[in-house]
Amino acid sequence: MKDLIYSELLALYGGMLTAKQYVAMEQYYHLDLSLSEIAESQNVSRQAIHAMLLSAQKTLLQLEEKIGLLQKSKAIQSIIVKAKDETLVASLKDALATISEIL
């Protein structure tokens, strides 16, 4: 199974990739095309697509490390789920304060 994190990172940071990297990542992770199918559609070798995907993955991971949007998003989602389970107003205030700190 393909790594879901790259699909999530592509949604957040895809605009920071080159057009070719973005298309290859989109085809690989969202359309579930094989390296050979992507290579054929871009008129390059399978190895070129493999190298392009590795480069794009590295870029996405570096962006997440520097900016942290995925980590912040998951933290906020976790707080929201917890707040939904809590009925006390104090819990909601704590959740909102934590979200403010994250942002």
N, C-alpha and C. Protein backbone atom coordinates (compact mmCIF):
# COMPACT_ATOMS: atom_id res chain seq x y z
N MET A 1 0.85 -1.19 0.00
CA MET A 1 0.00 0.00 0.00
C MET A 1 0.89 1.24 0.00
N LYS A 2 0.49 2.19 -0.80
CA LYS A 2 1.27 3.41 -0.91
C LYS A 2 1.11 4.25 0.34
N ASP A 3 2.16 4.97 0.67
CA ASP A 3 2.21 5.74 1.90
C ASP A 3 1.23 6.92 1.87
N LEU A 4 0.24 6.89 2.74
CA LEU A 4 -0.79 7.91 2.78
C LEU A 4 -0.24 9.30 3.11
N ILE A 5 0.83 9.36 3.86
CA ILE A 5 1.38 10.66 4.26
C ILE A 5 1.74 11.51 3.05
N TYR A 6 2.24 10.88 1.99
CA TYR A 6 2.62 11.67 0.81
C TYR A 6 1.39 12.24 0.11
N SER A 7 0.30 11.53 0.15
CA SER A 7 -0.94 12.05 -0.41
C SER A 7 -1.41 13.28 0.39
N GLU A 8 -1.31 13.18 1.71
CA GLU A 8 -1.69 14.31 2.56
C GLU A 8 -0.75 15.50 2.36
N LEU A 9 0.54 15.22 2.28
CA LEU A 9 1.52 16.29 2.08
C LEU A 9 1.34 16.93 0.70
N LEU A 10 1.00 16.13 -0.30
CA LEU A 10 0.76 16.66 -1.64
C LEU A 10 -0.41 17.63 -1.63
N ALA A 11 -1.44 17.32 -0.88
CA ALA A 11 -2.59 18.22 -0.78
C ALA A 11 -2.20 19.54 -0.13
N LEU A 12 -1.30 19.50 0.83
CA LEU A 12 -0.89 20.72 1.54
C LEU A 12 0.17 21.52 0.80
N TYR A 13 1.16 20.83 0.26
CA TYR A 13 2.34 21.51 -0.29
C TYR A 13 2.55 21.27 -1.78
N GLY A 14 1.60 20.68 -2.46
CA GLY A 14 1.77 20.34 -3.86
C GLY A 14 2.16 21.51 -4.74
N GLY A 15 1.69 22.68 -4.40
CA GLY A 15 2.02 23.87 -5.18
C GLY A 15 3.48 24.26 -5.13
N MET A 16 4.23 23.67 -4.22
CA MET A 16 5.64 23.97 -4.08
C MET A 16 6.51 23.05 -4.95
N LEU A 17 5.92 22.05 -5.55
CA LEU A 17 6.65 21.13 -6.42
C LEU A 17 6.67 21.67 -7.84
N THR A 18 7.56 21.12 -8.65
CA THR A 18 7.53 21.47 -10.07
C THR A 18 6.27 20.85 -10.67
N ALA A 19 5.88 21.34 -11.83
CA ALA A 19 4.67 20.82 -12.48
C ALA A 19 4.80 19.32 -12.76
N LYS A 20 5.97 18.90 -13.24
CA LYS A 20 6.18 17.48 -13.54
C LYS A 20 6.15 16.62 -12.28
N GLN A 21 6.76 17.12 -11.20
CA GLN A 21 6.74 16.39 -9.94
C GLN A 21 5.31 16.25 -9.44
N TYR A 22 4.56 17.35 -9.51
CA TYR A 22 3.18 17.33 -9.03
C TYR A 22 2.34 16.31 -9.81
N VAL A 23 2.47 16.34 -11.14
CA VAL A 23 1.70 15.41 -11.97
C VAL A 23 2.07 13.97 -11.64
N ALA A 24 3.36 13.70 -11.52
CA ALA A 24 3.80 12.33 -11.20
C ALA A 24 3.27 11.88 -9.84
N MET A 25 3.36 12.76 -8.85
CA MET A 25 2.85 12.42 -7.52
C MET A 25 1.34 12.20 -7.55
N GLU A 26 0.63 13.07 -8.25
CA GLU A 26 -0.82 12.96 -8.38
C GLU A 26 -1.20 11.62 -9.03
N GLN A 27 -0.50 11.29 -10.12
CA GLN A 27 -0.80 10.04 -10.81
C GLN A 27 -0.47 8.82 -9.95
N TYR A 28 0.63 8.90 -9.22
CA TYR A 28 1.07 7.76 -8.42
C TYR A 28 0.21 7.57 -7.17
N TYR A 29 -0.04 8.65 -6.45
CA TYR A 29 -0.75 8.53 -5.17
C TYR A 29 -2.26 8.65 -5.27
N HIS A 30 -2.76 9.48 -6.17
CA HIS A 30 -4.20 9.68 -6.23
C HIS A 30 -4.87 8.82 -7.30
N LEU A 31 -4.17 8.61 -8.43
CA LEU A 31 -4.76 7.79 -9.50
C LEU A 31 -4.27 6.35 -9.46
N ASP A 32 -3.30 6.07 -8.58
CA ASP A 32 -2.77 4.72 -8.37
C ASP A 32 -2.16 4.13 -9.64
N LEU A 33 -1.52 4.96 -10.44
CA LEU A 33 -0.85 4.48 -11.64
C LEU A 33 0.51 3.90 -11.26
N SER A 34 0.98 2.96 -12.04
CA SER A 34 2.30 2.38 -11.82
C SER A 34 3.38 3.32 -12.35
N LEU A 35 4.62 3.06 -11.97
CA LEU A 35 5.73 3.86 -12.47
C LEU A 35 5.81 3.77 -13.99
N SER A 36 5.57 2.60 -14.53
CA SER A 36 5.61 2.41 -15.98
C SER A 36 4.52 3.20 -16.68
N GLU A 37 3.33 3.21 -16.12
CA GLU A 37 2.23 3.98 -16.71
C GLU A 37 2.51 5.47 -16.69
N ILE A 38 3.06 5.95 -15.59
CA ILE A 38 3.39 7.37 -15.48
C ILE A 38 4.51 7.72 -16.47
N ALA A 39 5.52 6.86 -16.54
CA ALA A 39 6.63 7.08 -17.46
C ALA A 39 6.14 7.16 -18.90
N GLU A 40 5.23 6.29 -19.25
CA GLU A 40 4.69 6.30 -20.61
C GLU A 40 3.92 7.59 -20.88
N SER A 41 3.14 8.04 -19.90
CA SER A 41 2.34 9.26 -20.11
C SER A 41 3.21 10.51 -20.21
N GLN A 42 4.42 10.47 -19.61
CA GLN A 42 5.31 11.62 -19.63
C GLN A 42 6.47 11.45 -20.62
N ASN A 43 6.47 10.34 -21.35
CA ASN A 43 7.52 10.04 -22.34
C ASN A 43 8.92 10.08 -21.74
N VAL A 44 9.07 9.46 -20.57
CA VAL A 44 10.37 9.34 -19.92
C VAL A 44 10.52 7.90 -19.43
N SER A 45 11.68 7.58 -18.90
CA SER A 45 11.91 6.22 -18.41
C SER A 45 11.25 6.01 -17.04
N ARG A 46 11.06 4.75 -16.73
CA ARG A 46 10.53 4.38 -15.42
C ARG A 46 11.47 4.87 -14.32
N GLN A 47 12.77 4.76 -14.55
CA GLN A 47 13.77 5.20 -13.59
C GLN A 47 13.68 6.71 -13.35
N ALA A 48 13.39 7.47 -14.42
CA ALA A 48 13.26 8.92 -14.29
C ALA A 48 12.07 9.26 -13.39
N ILE A 49 10.98 8.53 -13.54
CA ILE A 49 9.80 8.75 -12.69
C ILE A 49 10.12 8.38 -11.26
N HIS A 50 10.82 7.27 -11.08
CA HIS A 50 11.19 6.85 -9.73
C HIS A 50 12.02 7.94 -9.05
N ALA A 51 13.01 8.46 -9.75
CA ALA A 51 13.88 9.52 -9.20
C ALA A 51 13.06 10.78 -8.94
N MET A 52 12.13 11.10 -9.83
CA MET A 52 11.29 12.29 -9.65
C MET A 52 10.41 12.15 -8.41
N LEU A 53 9.85 10.97 -8.21
CA LEU A 53 9.01 10.74 -7.03
C LEU A 53 9.82 10.84 -5.75
N LEU A 54 11.02 10.26 -5.75
CA LEU A 54 11.88 10.35 -4.57
C LEU A 54 12.23 11.80 -4.25
N SER A 55 12.54 12.57 -5.27
CA SER A 55 12.87 13.99 -5.08
C SER A 55 11.66 14.76 -4.54
N ALA A 56 10.50 14.49 -5.10
CA ALA A 56 9.28 15.17 -4.66
C ALA A 56 8.94 14.79 -3.21
N GLN A 57 9.10 13.51 -2.88
CA GLN A 57 8.84 13.06 -1.51
C GLN A 57 9.77 13.76 -0.53
N LYS A 58 11.03 13.85 -0.90
CA LYS A 58 12.01 14.52 -0.05
C LYS A 58 11.62 15.99 0.16
N THR A 59 11.23 16.65 -0.91
CA THR A 59 10.82 18.06 -0.83
C THR A 59 9.61 18.22 0.08
N LEU A 60 8.61 17.35 -0.08
CA LEU A 60 7.41 17.43 0.74
C LEU A 60 7.73 17.21 2.22
N LEU A 61 8.59 16.26 2.50
CA LEU A 61 8.97 16.00 3.90
C LEU A 61 9.75 17.18 4.49
N GLN A 62 10.60 17.80 3.70
CA GLN A 62 11.35 18.96 4.18
C GLN A 62 10.41 20.13 4.45
N LEU A 63 9.44 20.33 3.58
CA LEU A 63 8.47 21.40 3.80
C LEU A 63 7.67 21.16 5.07
N GLU A 64 7.25 19.92 5.29
CA GLU A 64 6.49 19.60 6.50
C GLU A 64 7.36 19.82 7.73
N GLU A 65 8.63 19.45 7.64
CA GLU A 65 9.53 19.64 8.77
C GLU A 65 9.69 21.12 9.12
N LYS A 66 9.75 21.97 8.09
CA LYS A 66 9.94 23.40 8.31
C LYS A 66 8.64 24.11 8.70
N ILE A 67 7.54 23.75 8.05
CA ILE A 67 6.28 24.48 8.23
C ILE A 67 5.34 23.78 9.21
N GLY A 68 5.22 22.48 9.09
CA GLY A 68 4.44 21.68 10.03
C GLY A 68 2.94 21.76 9.91
N LEU A 69 2.42 22.03 8.72
CA LEU A 69 0.96 22.14 8.56
C LEU A 69 0.24 20.83 8.86
N LEU A 70 0.78 19.73 8.41
CA LEU A 70 0.13 18.43 8.64
C LEU A 70 0.09 18.11 10.13
N GLN A 71 1.19 18.33 10.80
CA GLN A 71 1.26 18.07 12.25
C GLN A 71 0.26 18.96 12.99
N LYS A 72 0.20 20.24 12.63
CA LYS A 72 -0.74 21.15 13.29
C LYS A 72 -2.18 20.76 13.00
N SER A 73 -2.45 20.37 11.77
CA SER A 73 -3.80 19.96 11.38
C SER A 73 -4.24 18.74 12.18
N LYS A 74 -3.36 17.76 12.30
CA LYS A 74 -3.70 16.55 13.05
C LYS A 74 -3.90 16.85 14.54
N ALA A 75 -3.10 17.76 15.08
CA ALA A 75 -3.24 18.14 16.48
C ALA A 75 -4.59 18.82 16.71
N ILE A 76 -4.96 19.70 15.81
CA ILE A 76 -6.24 20.40 15.93
C ILE A 76 -7.40 19.42 15.79
N GLN A 77 -7.30 18.49 14.82
CA GLN A 77 -8.36 17.49 14.65
C GLN A 77 -8.53 16.65 15.92
N SER A 78 -7.43 16.29 16.54
CA SER A 78 -7.46 15.51 17.77
C SER A 78 -8.16 16.29 18.89
N ILE A 79 -7.84 17.57 18.99
CA ILE A 79 -8.45 18.42 20.02
C ILE A 79 -9.95 18.56 19.77
N ILE A 80 -10.33 18.72 18.51
CA ILE A 80 -11.75 18.87 18.17
C ILE A 80 -12.51 17.60 18.52
N VAL A 81 -11.93 16.44 18.20
CA VAL A 81 -12.58 15.17 18.54
C VAL A 81 -12.75 15.04 20.05
N LYS A 82 -11.70 15.39 20.78
CA LYS A 82 -11.77 15.32 22.24
C LYS A 82 -12.81 16.31 22.78
N ALA A 83 -12.85 17.50 22.21
CA ALA A 83 -13.80 18.51 22.67
C ALA A 83 -15.23 18.08 22.39
N LYS A 84 -15.45 17.39 21.28
CA LYS A 84 -16.80 16.90 20.96
C LYS A 84 -17.26 15.88 21.99
N ASP A 85 -16.30 15.11 22.51
CA ASP A 85 -16.63 14.09 23.51
C ASP A 85 -16.88 14.70 24.89
N GLU A 86 -16.34 15.86 25.12
CA GLU A 86 -16.48 16.52 26.42
C GLU A 86 -17.73 17.40 26.41
N THR A 87 -18.41 17.47 27.52
CA THR A 87 -19.61 18.29 27.60
C THR A 87 -19.39 19.53 28.47
N LEU A 88 -18.27 19.61 29.13
CA LEU A 88 -18.04 20.74 30.02
C LEU A 88 -17.51 21.95 29.26
N VAL A 89 -17.98 23.11 29.59
CA VAL A 89 -17.54 24.34 28.96
C VAL A 89 -16.04 24.55 29.19
N ALA A 90 -15.56 24.18 30.34
CA ALA A 90 -14.14 24.34 30.65
C ALA A 90 -13.27 23.56 29.67
N SER A 91 -13.72 22.39 29.30
CA SER A 91 -12.97 21.58 28.34
C SER A 91 -12.91 22.27 26.99
N LEU A 92 -13.99 22.88 26.59
CA LEU A 92 -14.02 23.61 25.32
C LEU A 92 -13.08 24.81 25.36
N LYS A 93 -13.06 25.50 26.48
CA LYS A 93 -12.15 26.64 26.62
C LYS A 93 -10.70 26.17 26.55
N ASP A 94 -10.39 25.05 27.19
CA ASP A 94 -9.04 24.49 27.13
C ASP A 94 -8.68 24.10 25.69
N ALA A 95 -9.63 23.50 25.00
CA ALA A 95 -9.38 23.09 23.62
C ALA A 95 -9.11 24.30 22.73
N LEU A 96 -9.89 25.35 22.88
CA LEU A 96 -9.69 26.55 22.09
C LEU A 96 -8.36 27.23 22.42
N ALA A 97 -7.99 27.20 23.68
CA ALA A 97 -6.70 27.78 24.08
C ALA A 97 -5.55 26.98 23.45
N THR A 98 -5.67 25.68 23.45
CA THR A 98 -4.63 24.83 22.85
C THR A 98 -4.53 25.06 21.35
N ILE A 99 -5.67 25.18 20.69
CA ILE A 99 -5.67 25.46 19.25
C ILE A 99 -5.01 26.80 18.99
N SER A 100 -5.30 27.78 19.79
CA SER A 100 -4.67 29.11 19.63
C SER A 100 -3.16 29.02 19.77
N GLU A 101 -2.68 28.20 20.69
CA GLU A 101 -1.24 28.02 20.88
C GLU A 101 -0.61 27.36 19.65
N ILE A 102 -1.30 26.39 19.09
CA ILE A 102 -0.79 25.68 17.91
C ILE A 102 -0.68 26.63 16.72
N LEU A 103 -1.71 27.44 16.56
CA LEU A 103 -1.72 28.37 15.43
C LEU A 103 -0.77 29.51 15.68
